Amino acid sequence: MSWPYIAGFFDGEGCLHAVGSSGAGIGRFRVTISQSLLTGKQTLEEIAAFMQDHDINAYVLRHKH
């Protein structure tokens, strides 16, 4: 896993959200990468582990439909 790989993956599948700003200019950003867990679970877990190794809070979340 590498930063260039994650950047390319994010470019194709990622999204950036402003969270909790309430118009006051105070908040944080959330980065998400969506992928089918049937085909992309291992890749997402590898990305999360790489980011955790670099002290970035990352995890794989499964949405229930």
Protein backbone atom coordinates (compact mmCIF):
# COMPACT_ATOMS: atom_id res chain seq x y z
CA MET A 1 0.00 0.00 0.00
CA SER A 2 1.22 3.52 -0.73
CA TRP A 3 0.01 7.11 -0.68
CA PRO A 4 -0.07 7.31 -4.51
CA TYR A 5 -2.26 4.16 -4.64
CA ILE A 6 -4.65 5.60 -2.03
CA ALA A 7 -4.76 8.93 -3.91
CA GLY A 8 -5.71 7.15 -7.13
CA PHE A 9 -8.30 5.01 -5.37
CA PHE A 10 -9.77 8.11 -3.70
CA ASP A 11 -9.81 9.95 -7.04
CA GLY A 12 -12.08 7.25 -8.47
CA GLU A 13 -14.17 6.25 -5.44
CA GLY A 14 -13.72 8.94 -2.77
CA CYS A 15 -15.68 11.83 -1.32
CA LEU A 16 -14.80 14.68 1.06
CA HIS A 17 -17.40 15.95 3.56
CA ALA A 18 -17.37 18.99 5.87
CA VAL A 19 -18.73 17.75 9.22
CA GLY A 20 -20.06 19.78 12.14
CA SER A 21 -19.18 23.24 10.85
CA SER A 22 -22.65 24.76 11.54
CA GLY A 23 -21.67 27.78 9.48
CA ALA A 24 -19.28 28.98 12.20
CA GLY A 25 -16.13 27.93 10.37
CA ILE A 26 -15.42 25.33 13.05
CA GLY A 27 -15.53 21.66 12.18
CA ARG A 28 -13.61 18.89 10.53
CA PHE A 29 -13.49 16.96 7.31
CA ARG A 30 -14.42 13.33 6.74
CA VAL A 31 -12.99 11.38 3.84
CA THR A 32 -14.96 8.40 2.58
CA ILE A 33 -14.24 5.76 -0.02
CA SER A 34 -17.18 3.65 -1.18
CA GLN A 35 -16.69 0.19 -2.57
CA SER A 36 -18.69 -3.00 -2.67
CA LEU A 37 -17.63 -5.10 0.30
CA LEU A 38 -18.06 -8.18 -1.88
CA THR A 39 -15.30 -7.06 -4.25
CA GLY A 40 -13.39 -4.37 -2.35
CA LYS A 41 -13.35 -5.40 1.31
CA GLN A 42 -9.72 -6.57 1.33
CA THR A 43 -8.52 -3.42 -0.43
CA LEU A 44 -10.45 -1.17 1.95
CA GLU A 45 -9.04 -3.05 4.95
CA GLU A 46 -5.51 -2.66 3.57
CA ILE A 47 -6.05 1.08 3.07
CA ALA A 48 -7.43 1.43 6.61
CA ALA A 49 -4.50 -0.52 8.10
CA PHE A 50 -1.97 1.60 6.17
CA MET A 51 -3.60 4.81 7.37
CA GLN A 52 -3.76 3.55 10.97
CA ASP A 53 -0.03 2.80 10.75
CA HIS A 54 0.37 6.51 9.95
CA ASP A 55 -1.73 7.61 12.96
CA ILE A 56 -4.84 8.39 10.91
CA ASN A 57 -8.20 7.23 12.27
CA ALA A 58 -9.47 4.88 9.56
CA TYR A 59 -11.88 1.98 9.54
CA VAL A 60 -14.12 -0.06 7.24
CA LEU A 61 -17.81 0.50 7.85
CA ARG A 62 -20.52 -1.69 6.42
CA HIS A 63 -23.84 0.00 5.73
CA LYS A 64 -26.93 -2.13 6.21
CA HIS A 65 -29.55 -1.80 3.48
